[in-house]
Structures are given as structure tokens and as C-alpha cells.
């Protein structure tokens, strides 16, 4: 596992990958990627009721598009951009939570 790269997905989803989505499996997984940044508030998006259904219906396709963006642009520069964006958005979310804005 690396710092930046497509976050590992559940086997039930990766087993269903076809076409271009299979390219996601050709790069080393990472701790953070474009989809991690874009969906930093995933808990708010999927909610507590039927979270798996909401994830599959509204999130998974977009996350795979963002993962493929990473696959198409693998480089040290991309990894550094993702790292600093992750730091920025994590700090931003922490400040929002501390202010009570969740």
C-alpha cells in the first residue's frame, strides 16, 4: 500500500468491475486518492438508513471515475497534489466539526 492511490474497495464491488474499471486494480492501492478527498463527508452522503444501497446507487460509480483519473495520471506530482489536498480537506473538516457544523 502506498500513501496515494485508489483506496481498496470491498471484494463484492471489485469482483464486479468490468471494462475500464478493471484498470483500477492495476495500480497499488493507497491511503488517499481523489475519491477520498471528494467523498470526505461520505457518512453524510449515505446516511444511516440503507447506507450500502445509497453507496451503490449514488457513490460507487463516481468514486470509480475518480480512481480512473488517478490511474490515468499516476506520477509523483499527482501523489503530492493528492497528499496536500488531503491534508487541507482533513483540517477543513476538523475545523468544521469543532465549530459544530459537522
PDB file of N, CA and C in Angstrom:
ATOM      1  N   UNK A   1       0.852  -1.175   0.000  1.00  0.00           N
ATOM      2  CA  UNK A   1       0.000   0.000   0.000  1.00  0.00           C
ATOM      3  C   UNK A   1       0.895   1.235   0.000  1.00  0.00           C
ATOM      4  N   UNK A   2       0.455   2.256  -0.697  1.00  0.00           N
ATOM      5  CA  UNK A   2       1.204   3.499  -0.784  1.00  0.00           C
ATOM      6  C   UNK A   2       0.416   4.615  -0.112  1.00  0.00           C
ATOM      7  N   UNK A   3       0.986   5.800  -0.054  1.00  0.00           N
ATOM      8  CA  UNK A   3       0.275   6.935   0.519  1.00  0.00           C
ATOM      9  C   UNK A   3      -0.874   7.355  -0.397  1.00  0.00           C
ATOM     10  N   UNK A   4      -0.572   7.535  -1.684  1.00  0.00           N
ATOM     11  CA  UNK A   4      -1.606   7.939  -2.634  1.00  0.00           C
ATOM     12  C   UNK A   4      -1.854   6.807  -3.622  1.00  0.00           C
ATOM     13  N   UNK A   5      -3.112   6.607  -3.935  1.00  0.00           N
ATOM     14  CA  UNK A   5      -3.523   5.564  -4.861  1.00  0.00           C
ATOM     15  C   UNK A   5      -4.962   5.202  -4.565  1.00  0.00           C
ATOM     16  N   UNK A   6      -5.613   4.483  -5.454  1.00  0.00           N
ATOM     17  CA  UNK A   6      -7.018   4.128  -5.228  1.00  0.00           C
ATOM     18  C   UNK A   6      -7.202   3.377  -3.921  1.00  0.00           C
ATOM     19  N   UNK A   7      -8.096   3.871  -3.094  1.00  0.00           N
ATOM     20  CA  UNK A   7      -8.374   3.195  -1.826  1.00  0.00           C
ATOM     21  C   UNK A   7      -8.940   1.815  -2.103  1.00  0.00           C
ATOM     22  N   UNK A   8      -8.535   0.820  -1.324  1.00  0.00           N
ATOM     23  CA  UNK A   8      -9.076  -0.521  -1.526  1.00  0.00           C
ATOM     24  C   UNK A   8     -10.590  -0.529  -1.339  1.00  0.00           C
ATOM     25  N   UNK A   9     -11.245  -1.267  -2.180  1.00  0.00           N
ATOM     26  CA  UNK A   9     -12.705  -1.373  -2.152  1.00  0.00           C
ATOM     27  C   UNK A   9     -13.068  -2.783  -1.697  1.00  0.00           C
ATOM     28  N   UNK A  10     -14.274  -2.967  -1.255  1.00  0.00           N
ATOM     29  CA  UNK A  10     -14.742  -4.287  -0.846  1.00  0.00           C
ATOM     30  C   UNK A  10     -14.707  -5.255  -2.027  1.00  0.00           C
ATOM     31  N   UNK A  11     -14.389  -6.508  -1.749  1.00  0.00           N
ATOM     32  CA  UNK A  11     -14.291  -7.513  -2.807  1.00  0.00           C
ATOM     33  C   UNK A  11     -15.597  -7.677  -3.584  1.00  0.00           C
ATOM     34  N   UNK A  12     -16.729  -7.475  -2.922  1.00  0.00           N
ATOM     35  CA  UNK A  12     -18.003  -7.635  -3.636  1.00  0.00           C
ATOM     36  C   UNK A  12     -18.150  -6.594  -4.746  1.00  0.00           C
ATOM     37  N   UNK A  13     -17.468  -5.467  -4.612  1.00  0.00           N
ATOM     38  CA  UNK A  13     -17.508  -4.449  -5.662  1.00  0.00           C
ATOM     39  C   UNK A  13     -16.410  -4.676  -6.699  1.00  0.00           C
ATOM     40  N   UNK A  14     -15.188  -4.962  -6.239  1.00  0.00           N
ATOM     41  CA  UNK A  14     -14.093  -5.156  -7.199  1.00  0.00           C
ATOM     42  C   UNK A  14     -14.318  -6.399  -8.042  1.00  0.00           C
ATOM     43  N   UNK A  15     -14.970  -7.389  -7.494  1.00  0.00           N
ATOM     44  CA  UNK A  15     -15.279  -8.593  -8.262  1.00  0.00           C
ATOM     45  C   UNK A  15     -16.229  -8.327  -9.413  1.00  0.00           C
ATOM     46  N   UNK A  16     -16.983  -7.241  -9.309  1.00  0.00           N
ATOM     47  CA  UNK A  16     -17.940  -6.888 -10.363  1.00  0.00           C
ATOM     48  C   UNK A  16     -17.369  -5.879 -11.365  1.00  0.00           C
ATOM     49  N   UNK A  17     -16.131  -5.444 -11.153  1.00  0.00           N
ATOM     50  CA  UNK A  17     -15.524  -4.495 -12.089  1.00  0.00           C
ATOM     51  C   UNK A  17     -15.438  -5.120 -13.473  1.00  0.00           C
ATOM     52  N   UNK A  18     -15.730  -4.311 -14.471  1.00  0.00           N
ATOM     53  CA  UNK A  18     -15.539  -4.748 -15.852  1.00  0.00           C
ATOM     54  C   UNK A  18     -15.064  -3.557 -16.665  1.00  0.00           C
ATOM     55  N   UNK A  19     -14.657  -3.804 -17.871  1.00  0.00           N
ATOM     56  CA  UNK A  19     -14.206  -2.724 -18.741  1.00  0.00           C
ATOM     57  C   UNK A  19     -13.084  -1.916 -18.115  1.00  0.00           C
ATOM     58  N   UNK A  20     -13.196  -0.607 -18.228  1.00  0.00           N
ATOM     59  CA  UNK A  20     -12.173   0.304 -17.714  1.00  0.00           C
ATOM     60  C   UNK A  20     -11.972   0.191 -16.208  1.00  0.00           C
ATOM     61  N   UNK A  21     -13.031  -0.099 -15.472  1.00  0.00           N
ATOM     62  CA  UNK A  21     -12.913  -0.179 -14.010  1.00  0.00           C
ATOM     63  C   UNK A  21     -11.864  -1.197 -13.581  1.00  0.00           C
ATOM     64  N   UNK A  22     -11.620  -2.209 -14.370  1.00  0.00           N
ATOM     65  CA  UNK A  22     -10.609  -3.219 -14.021  1.00  0.00           C
ATOM     66  C   UNK A  22      -9.209  -2.612 -13.959  1.00  0.00           C
ATOM     67  N   UNK A  23      -8.987  -1.489 -14.664  1.00  0.00           N
ATOM     68  CA  UNK A  23      -7.683  -0.821 -14.621  1.00  0.00           C
ATOM     69  C   UNK A  23      -7.341  -0.305 -13.231  1.00  0.00           C
ATOM     70  N   UNK A  24      -8.343  -0.068 -12.412  1.00  0.00           N
ATOM     71  CA  UNK A  24      -8.117   0.393 -11.041  1.00  0.00           C
ATOM     72  C   UNK A  24      -7.268  -0.630 -10.279  1.00  0.00           C
ATOM     73  N   UNK A  25      -7.445  -1.883 -10.610  1.00  0.00           N
ATOM     74  CA  UNK A  25      -6.752  -2.956  -9.907  1.00  0.00           C
ATOM     75  C   UNK A  25      -5.295  -3.096 -10.344  1.00  0.00           C
ATOM     76  N   UNK A  26      -4.888  -2.349 -11.370  1.00  0.00           N
ATOM     77  CA  UNK A  26      -3.522  -2.447 -11.898  1.00  0.00           C
ATOM     78  C   UNK A  26      -2.520  -1.528 -11.203  1.00  0.00           C
ATOM     79  N   UNK A  27      -2.979  -0.678 -10.292  1.00  0.00           N
ATOM     80  CA  UNK A  27      -2.067   0.204  -9.568  1.00  0.00           C
ATOM     81  C   UNK A  27      -2.136  -0.134  -8.075  1.00  0.00           C
ATOM     82  N   UNK A  28      -1.061   0.212  -7.391  1.00  0.00           N
ATOM     83  CA  UNK A  28      -1.028  -0.080  -5.955  1.00  0.00           C
ATOM     84  C   UNK A  28      -2.080   0.743  -5.225  1.00  0.00           C
ATOM     85  N   UNK A  29      -2.806   0.117  -4.310  1.00  0.00           N
ATOM     86  CA  UNK A  29      -3.791   0.872  -3.540  1.00  0.00           C
ATOM     87  C   UNK A  29      -3.093   1.845  -2.595  1.00  0.00           C
ATOM     88  N   UNK A  30      -3.811   2.864  -2.192  1.00  0.00           N
ATOM     89  CA  UNK A  30      -3.242   3.866  -1.308  1.00  0.00           C
ATOM     90  C   UNK A  30      -4.173   4.237  -0.173  1.00  0.00           C
ATOM     91  N   UNK A  31      -3.674   5.082   0.677  1.00  0.00           N
ATOM     92  CA  UNK A  31      -4.441   5.554   1.824  1.00  0.00           C
ATOM     93  C   UNK A  31      -5.409   6.652   1.403  1.00  0.00           C
ATOM     94  N   UNK A  32      -5.009   7.464   0.432  1.00  0.00           N
ATOM     95  CA  UNK A  32      -5.859   8.556  -0.023  1.00  0.00           C
ATOM     96  C   UNK A  32      -5.784   8.682  -1.534  1.00  0.00           C
ATOM     97  N   UNK A  33      -6.847   9.210  -2.112  1.00  0.00           N
ATOM     98  CA  UNK A  33      -6.907   9.436  -3.551  1.00  0.00           C
ATOM     99  C   UNK A  33      -7.961  10.502  -3.836  1.00  0.00           C
ATOM    100  N   UNK A  34      -8.207  10.753  -5.119  1.00  0.00           N
ATOM    101  CA  UNK A  34      -9.199  11.768  -5.475  1.00  0.00           C
ATOM    102  C   UNK A  34     -10.571  11.449  -4.873  1.00  0.00           C
ATOM    103  N   UNK A  35     -10.948  10.177  -4.853  1.00  0.00           N
ATOM    104  CA  UNK A  35     -12.270   9.839  -4.323  1.00  0.00           C
ATOM    105  C   UNK A  35     -12.341  10.041  -2.806  1.00  0.00           C
ATOM    106  N   UNK A  36     -11.237   9.826  -2.110  1.00  0.00           N
ATOM    107  CA  UNK A  36     -11.214  10.069  -0.663  1.00  0.00           C
ATOM    108  C   UNK A  36     -11.436  11.544  -0.361  1.00  0.00           C
ATOM    109  N   UNK A  37     -10.822  12.381  -1.177  1.00  0.00           N
ATOM    110  CA  UNK A  37     -10.966  13.831  -0.997  1.00  0.00           C
ATOM    111  C   UNK A  37     -12.388  14.257  -1.349  1.00  0.00           C
ATOM    112  N   UNK A  38     -12.870  13.793  -2.491  1.00  0.00           N
ATOM    113  CA  UNK A  38     -14.195  14.175  -2.972  1.00  0.00           C
ATOM    114  C   UNK A  38     -15.307  13.706  -2.035  1.00  0.00           C
ATOM    115  N   UNK A  39     -15.104  12.547  -1.421  1.00  0.00           N
ATOM    116  CA  UNK A  39     -16.130  11.980  -0.549  1.00  0.00           C
ATOM    117  C   UNK A  39     -15.690  11.965   0.909  1.00  0.00           C
ATOM    118  N   UNK A  40     -15.011  13.022   1.333  1.00  0.00           N
ATOM    119  CA  UNK A  40     -14.553  13.110   2.717  1.00  0.00           C
ATOM    120  C   UNK A  40     -15.742  13.121   3.688  1.00  0.00           C
ATOM    121  N   UNK A  41     -16.897  13.500   3.192  1.00  0.00           N
ATOM    122  CA  UNK A  41     -18.110  13.516   4.016  1.00  0.00           C
ATOM    123  C   UNK A  41     -19.045  12.362   3.636  1.00  0.00           C
ATOM    124  N   UNK A  42     -18.481  11.221   3.300  1.00  0.00           N
ATOM    125  CA  UNK A  42     -19.264  10.064   2.856  1.00  0.00           C
ATOM    126  C   UNK A  42     -20.345   9.688   3.858  1.00  0.00           C
ATOM    127  N   UNK A  43     -20.039   9.769   5.134  1.00  0.00           N
ATOM    128  CA  UNK A  43     -21.030   9.432   6.154  1.00  0.00           C
ATOM    129  C   UNK A  43     -22.277  10.301   6.037  1.00  0.00           C
ATOM    130  N   UNK A  44     -22.111  11.552   5.661  1.00  0.00           N
ATOM    131  CA  UNK A  44     -23.246  12.451   5.499  1.00  0.00           C
ATOM    132  C   UNK A  44     -24.015  12.142   4.220  1.00  0.00           C
ATOM    133  N   UNK A  45     -23.320  11.683   3.203  1.00  0.00           N
ATOM    134  CA  UNK A  45     -23.951  11.394   1.917  1.00  0.00           C
ATOM    135  C   UNK A  45     -24.820  10.140   1.998  1.00  0.00           C
ATOM    136  N   UNK A  46     -24.279   9.066   2.572  1.00  0.00           N
ATOM    137  CA  UNK A  46     -25.029   7.806   2.591  1.00  0.00           C
ATOM    138  C   UNK A  46     -25.995   7.703   3.758  1.00  0.00           C
ATOM    139  N   UNK A  47     -25.771   8.484   4.795  1.00  0.00           N
ATOM    140  CA  UNK A  47     -26.679   8.463   5.933  1.00  0.00           C
ATOM    141  C   UNK A  47     -26.582   7.175   6.731  1.00  0.00           C
ATOM    142  N   UNK A  48     -27.555   6.961   7.596  1.00  0.00           N
ATOM    143  CA  UNK A  48     -27.542   5.777   8.450  1.00  0.00           C
ATOM    144  C   UNK A  48     -28.550   4.731   8.012  1.00  0.00           C
ATOM    145  N   UNK A  49     -29.518   5.124   7.239  1.00  0.00           N
ATOM    146  CA  UNK A  49     -30.536   4.204   6.744  1.00  0.00           C
ATOM    147  C   UNK A  49     -30.122   3.727   5.348  1.00  0.00           C
ATOM    148  N   UNK A  50     -30.018   2.432   5.155  1.00  0.00           N
ATOM    149  CA  UNK A  50     -29.669   1.855   3.847  1.00  0.00           C
ATOM    150  C   UNK A  50     -28.371   2.417   3.280  1.00  0.00           C
ATOM    151  N   UNK A  51     -27.357   2.501   4.103  1.00  0.00           N
ATOM    152  CA  UNK A  51     -26.088   3.097   3.678  1.00  0.00           C
ATOM    153  C   UNK A  51     -25.476   2.356   2.496  1.00  0.00           C
ATOM    154  N   UNK A  52     -25.535   1.024   2.495  1.00  0.00           N
ATOM    155  CA  UNK A  52     -24.965   0.260   1.384  1.00  0.00           C
ATOM    156  C   UNK A  52     -25.691   0.558   0.084  1.00  0.00           C
ATOM    157  N   UNK A  53     -26.996   0.618   0.145  1.00  0.00           N
ATOM    158  CA  UNK A  53     -27.795   0.920  -1.048  1.00  0.00           C
ATOM    159  C   UNK A  53     -27.483   2.319  -1.576  1.00  0.00           C
ATOM    160  N   UNK A  54     -27.402   3.282  -0.690  1.00  0.00           N
ATOM    161  CA  UNK A  54     -27.075   4.648  -1.089  1.00  0.00           C
ATOM    162  C   UNK A  54     -25.684   4.710  -1.707  1.00  0.00           C
ATOM    163  N   UNK A  55     -24.732   3.996  -1.110  1.00  0.00           N
ATOM    164  CA  UNK A  55     -23.367   3.961  -1.621  1.00  0.00           C
ATOM    165  C   UNK A  55     -23.342   3.399  -3.040  1.00  0.00           C
ATOM    166  N   UNK A  56     -23.999   2.272  -3.219  1.00  0.00           N
ATOM    167  CA  UNK A  56     -24.007   1.629  -4.530  1.00  0.00           C
ATOM    168  C   UNK A  56     -24.727   2.476  -5.573  1.00  0.00           C
ATOM    169  N   UNK A  57     -25.775   3.140  -5.162  1.00  0.00           N
ATOM    170  CA  UNK A  57     -26.607   3.900  -6.096  1.00  0.00           C
ATOM    171  C   UNK A  57     -26.013   5.263  -6.453  1.00  0.00           C
ATOM    172  N   UNK A  58     -25.411   5.951  -5.484  1.00  0.00           N
ATOM    173  CA  UNK A  58     -25.003   7.340  -5.693  1.00  0.00           C
ATOM    174  C   UNK A  58     -23.490   7.607  -5.632  1.00  0.00           C
ATOM    175  N   UNK A  59     -22.720   6.680  -5.093  1.00  0.00           N
ATOM    176  CA  UNK A  59     -21.317   6.982  -4.825  1.00  0.00           C
ATOM    177  C   UNK A  59     -20.338   6.130  -5.630  1.00  0.00           C
ATOM    178  N   UNK A  60     -20.564   4.841  -5.694  1.00  0.00           N
ATOM    179  CA  UNK A  60     -19.577   3.912  -6.249  1.00  0.00           C
ATOM    180  C   UNK A  60     -19.143   4.272  -7.670  1.00  0.00           C
ATOM    181  N   UNK A  61     -20.063   4.588  -8.536  1.00  0.00           N
ATOM    182  CA  UNK A  61     -19.712   4.925  -9.925  1.00  0.00           C
ATOM    183  C   UNK A  61     -18.802   6.154  -9.977  1.00  0.00           C
ATOM    184  N   UNK A  62     -19.147   7.179  -9.217  1.00  0.00           N
ATOM    185  CA  UNK A  62     -18.331   8.403  -9.206  1.00  0.00           C
ATOM    186  C   UNK A  62     -16.954   8.139  -8.595  1.00  0.00           C
ATOM    187  N   UNK A  63     -16.909   7.334  -7.526  1.00  0.00           N
ATOM    188  CA  UNK A  63     -15.612   7.012  -6.926  1.00  0.00           C
ATOM    189  C   UNK A  63     -14.727   6.289  -7.940  1.00  0.00           C
ATOM    190  N   UNK A  64     -15.309   5.383  -8.710  1.00  0.00           N
ATOM    191  CA  UNK A  64     -14.516   4.673  -9.710  1.00  0.00           C
ATOM    192  C   UNK A  64     -14.036   5.610 -10.815  1.00  0.00           C
ATOM    193  N   UNK A  65     -14.840   6.593 -11.190  1.00  0.00           N
ATOM    194  CA  UNK A  65     -14.392   7.589 -12.167  1.00  0.00           C
ATOM    195  C   UNK A  65     -13.174   8.344 -11.632  1.00  0.00           C
ATOM    196  N   UNK A  66     -13.217   8.705 -10.364  1.00  0.00           N
ATOM    197  CA  UNK A  66     -12.091   9.418  -9.749  1.00  0.00           C
ATOM    198  C   UNK A  66     -10.867   8.510  -9.596  1.00  0.00           C
ATOM    199  N   UNK A  67     -11.101   7.255  -9.324  1.00  0.00           N
ATOM    200  CA  UNK A  67      -9.991   6.293  -9.242  1.00  0.00           C
ATOM    201  C   UNK A  67      -9.319   6.146 -10.611  1.00  0.00           C
ATOM    202  N   UNK A  68     -10.142   6.097 -11.653  1.00  0.00           N
ATOM    203  CA  UNK A  68      -9.598   6.000 -13.012  1.00  0.00           C
ATOM    204  C   UNK A  68      -8.832   7.257 -13.398  1.00  0.00           C
ATOM    205  N   UNK A  69      -9.250   8.397 -12.878  1.00  0.00           N
ATOM    206  CA  UNK A  69      -8.495   9.635 -13.093  1.00  0.00           C
ATOM    207  C   UNK A  69      -7.088   9.475 -12.527  1.00  0.00           C
ATOM    208  N   UNK A  70      -6.989   8.877 -11.352  1.00  0.00           N
ATOM    209  CA  UNK A  70      -5.676   8.636 -10.760  1.00  0.00           C
ATOM    210  C   UNK A  70      -4.867   7.674 -11.634  1.00  0.00           C
ATOM    211  N   UNK A  71      -5.482   6.582 -12.040  1.00  0.00           N
ATOM    212  CA  UNK A  71      -4.792   5.579 -12.868  1.00  0.00           C
ATOM    213  C   UNK A  71      -4.227   6.230 -14.135  1.00  0.00           C
ATOM    214  N   UNK A  72      -4.974   7.139 -14.719  1.00  0.00           N
ATOM    215  CA  UNK A  72      -4.546   7.793 -15.956  1.00  0.00           C
ATOM    216  C   UNK A  72      -3.437   8.815 -15.731  1.00  0.00           C
ATOM    217  N   UNK A  73      -3.251   9.236 -14.483  1.00  0.00           N
ATOM    218  CA  UNK A  73      -2.286  10.299 -14.192  1.00  0.00           C
ATOM    219  C   UNK A  73      -1.290   9.930 -13.100  1.00  0.00           C
ATOM    220  N   UNK A  74      -0.951   8.660 -12.993  1.00  0.00           N
ATOM    221  CA  UNK A  74      -0.025   8.221 -11.951  1.00  0.00           C
ATOM    222  C   UNK A  74       1.321   8.922 -12.123  1.00  0.00           C
ATOM    223  N   UNK A  75       1.742   9.623 -11.075  1.00  0.00           N
ATOM    224  CA  UNK A  75       3.054  10.278 -11.076  1.00  0.00           C
ATOM    225  C   UNK A  75       3.335  10.784  -9.665  1.00  0.00           C
ATOM    226  N   UNK A  76       4.571  11.122  -9.427  1.00  0.00           N
ATOM    227  CA  UNK A  76       4.935  11.706  -8.139  1.00  0.00           C
ATOM    228  C   UNK A  76       4.202  13.029  -7.941  1.00  0.00           C
ATOM    229  N   UNK A  77       4.091  13.813  -8.995  1.00  0.00           N
ATOM    230  CA  UNK A  77       3.388  15.095  -8.910  1.00  0.00           C
ATOM    231  C   UNK A  77       1.928  14.882  -8.484  1.00  0.00           C
ATOM    232  N   UNK A  78       1.253  13.917  -9.107  1.00  0.00           N
ATOM    233  CA  UNK A  78      -0.135  13.624  -8.744  1.00  0.00           C
ATOM    234  C   UNK A  78      -0.222  13.203  -7.286  1.00  0.00           C
ATOM    235  N   UNK A  79       0.699  12.341  -6.844  1.00  0.00           N
ATOM    236  CA  UNK A  79       0.694  11.892  -5.458  1.00  0.00           C
ATOM    237  C   UNK A  79       0.880  13.053  -4.484  1.00  0.00           C
ATOM    238  N   UNK A  80       1.769  13.975  -4.808  1.00  0.00           N
ATOM    239  CA  UNK A  80       1.995  15.131  -3.934  1.00  0.00           C
ATOM    240  C   UNK A  80       0.771  16.040  -3.894  1.00  0.00           C
ATOM    241  N   UNK A  81       0.135  16.237  -5.028  1.00  0.00           N
ATOM    242  CA  UNK A  81      -1.097  17.055  -5.069  1.00  0.00           C
ATOM    243  C   UNK A  81      -2.167  16.413  -4.198  1.00  0.00           C
ATOM    244  N   UNK A  82      -2.368  15.106  -4.361  1.00  0.00           N
ATOM    245  CA  UNK A  82      -3.374  14.394  -3.568  1.00  0.00           C
ATOM    246  C   UNK A  82      -3.043  14.475  -2.080  1.00  0.00           C
ATOM    247  N   UNK A  83      -1.783  14.301  -1.732  1.00  0.00           N
ATOM    248  CA  UNK A  83      -1.383  14.375  -0.331  1.00  0.00           C
ATOM    249  C   UNK A  83      -1.745  15.726   0.271  1.00  0.00           C
ATOM    250  N   UNK A  84      -1.341  16.816  -0.382  1.00  0.00           N
ATOM    251  CA  UNK A  84      -1.597  18.149   0.173  1.00  0.00           C
ATOM    252  C   UNK A  84      -3.080  18.502   0.160  1.00  0.00           C
ATOM    253  N   UNK A  85      -3.813  18.051  -0.855  1.00  0.00           N
ATOM    254  CA  UNK A  85      -5.261  18.283  -0.852  1.00  0.00           C
ATOM    255  C   UNK A  85      -5.916  17.526   0.301  1.00  0.00           C
ATOM    256  N   UNK A  86      -5.445  16.320   0.557  1.00  0.00           N
ATOM    257  CA  UNK A  86      -5.989  15.534   1.668  1.00  0.00           C
ATOM    258  C   UNK A  86      -5.747  16.247   2.991  1.00  0.00           C
ATOM    259  N   UNK A  87      -4.533  16.718   3.203  1.00  0.00           N
ATOM    260  CA  UNK A  87      -4.206  17.448   4.437  1.00  0.00           C
ATOM    261  C   UNK A  87      -5.134  18.659   4.575  1.00  0.00           C
ATOM    262  N   UNK A  88      -5.285  19.429   3.499  1.00  0.00           N
ATOM    263  CA  UNK A  88      -6.128  20.621   3.523  1.00  0.00           C
ATOM    264  C   UNK A  88      -7.575  20.278   3.890  1.00  0.00           C
ATOM    265  N   UNK A  89      -8.154  19.264   3.218  1.00  0.00           N
ATOM    266  CA  UNK A  89      -9.557  18.941   3.451  1.00  0.00           C
ATOM    267  C   UNK A  89      -9.795  18.276   4.806  1.00  0.00           C
ATOM    268  N   UNK A  90      -8.831  17.528   5.304  1.00  0.00           N
ATOM    269  CA  UNK A  90      -8.968  16.945   6.640  1.00  0.00           C
ATOM    270  C   UNK A  90      -8.966  18.051   7.690  1.00  0.00           C
ATOM    271  N   UNK A  91      -8.066  18.995   7.562  1.00  0.00           N
ATOM    272  CA  UNK A  91      -8.030  20.128   8.500  1.00  0.00           C
ATOM    273  C   UNK A  91      -9.328  20.925   8.414  1.00  0.00           C
ATOM    274  N   UNK A  92      -9.793  21.160   7.198  1.00  0.00           N
ATOM    275  CA  UNK A  92     -11.042  21.895   6.992  1.00  0.00           C
ATOM    276  C   UNK A  92     -12.219  21.166   7.661  1.00  0.00           C
ATOM    277  N   UNK A  93     -12.274  19.843   7.514  1.00  0.00           N
ATOM    278  CA  UNK A  93     -13.362  19.090   8.138  1.00  0.00           C
ATOM    279  C   UNK A  93     -13.248  19.118   9.657  1.00  0.00           C
ATOM    280  N   UNK A  94     -12.047  18.982  10.181  1.00  0.00           N
ATOM    281  CA  UNK A  94     -11.847  19.036  11.636  1.00  0.00           C
ATOM    282  C   UNK A  94     -12.333  20.370  12.193  1.00  0.00           C
ATOM    283  N   UNK A  95     -11.972  21.458  11.519  1.00  0.00           N
ATOM    284  CA  UNK A  95     -12.409  22.784  11.972  1.00  0.00           C
ATOM    285  C   UNK A  95     -13.915  22.918  11.906  1.00  0.00           C
ATOM    286  N   UNK A  96     -14.528  22.358  10.865  1.00  0.00           N
ATOM    287  CA  UNK A  96     -15.984  22.412  10.728  1.00  0.00           C
ATOM    288  C   UNK A  96     -16.648  21.642  11.862  1.00  0.00           C
ATOM    289  N   UNK A  97     -16.119  20.484  12.197  1.00  0.00           N
ATOM    290  CA  UNK A  97     -16.682  19.660  13.284  1.00  0.00           C
ATOM    291  C   UNK A  97     -16.505  20.373  14.620  1.00  0.00           C
ATOM    292  N   UNK A  98     -15.337  20.966  14.828  1.00  0.00           N
ATOM    293  CA  UNK A  98     -15.095  21.675  16.093  1.00  0.00           C
ATOM    294  C   UNK A  98     -16.036  22.875  16.256  1.00  0.00           C
ATOM    295  N   UNK A  99     -16.412  23.478  15.146  1.00  0.00           N
ATOM    296  CA  UNK A  99     -17.364  24.601  15.204  1.00  0.00           C
ATOM    297  C   UNK A  99     -18.795  24.128  15.353  1.00  0.00           C
ATOM    298  N   UNK A 100     -19.011  22.814  15.249  1.00  0.00           N
ATOM    299  CA  UNK A 100     -20.365  22.264  15.390  1.00  0.00           C
ATOM    300  C   UNK A 100     -21.151  22.237  14.102  1.00  0.00           C
ATOM    301  N   UNK A 101     -20.480  22.438  12.974  1.00  0.00           N
ATOM    302  CA  UNK A 101     -21.174  22.443  11.687  1.00  0.00           C
ATOM    303  C   UNK A 101     -21.165  21.082  11.014  1.00  0.00           C
ATOM    304  N   UNK A 102     -20.556  20.141  11.660  1.00  0.00           N
ATOM    305  CA  UNK A 102     -20.396  18.770  11.175  1.00  0.00           C
ATOM    306  C   UNK A 102     -19.961  18.817   9.765  1.00  0.00           C
TER     307      UNK A 102
END
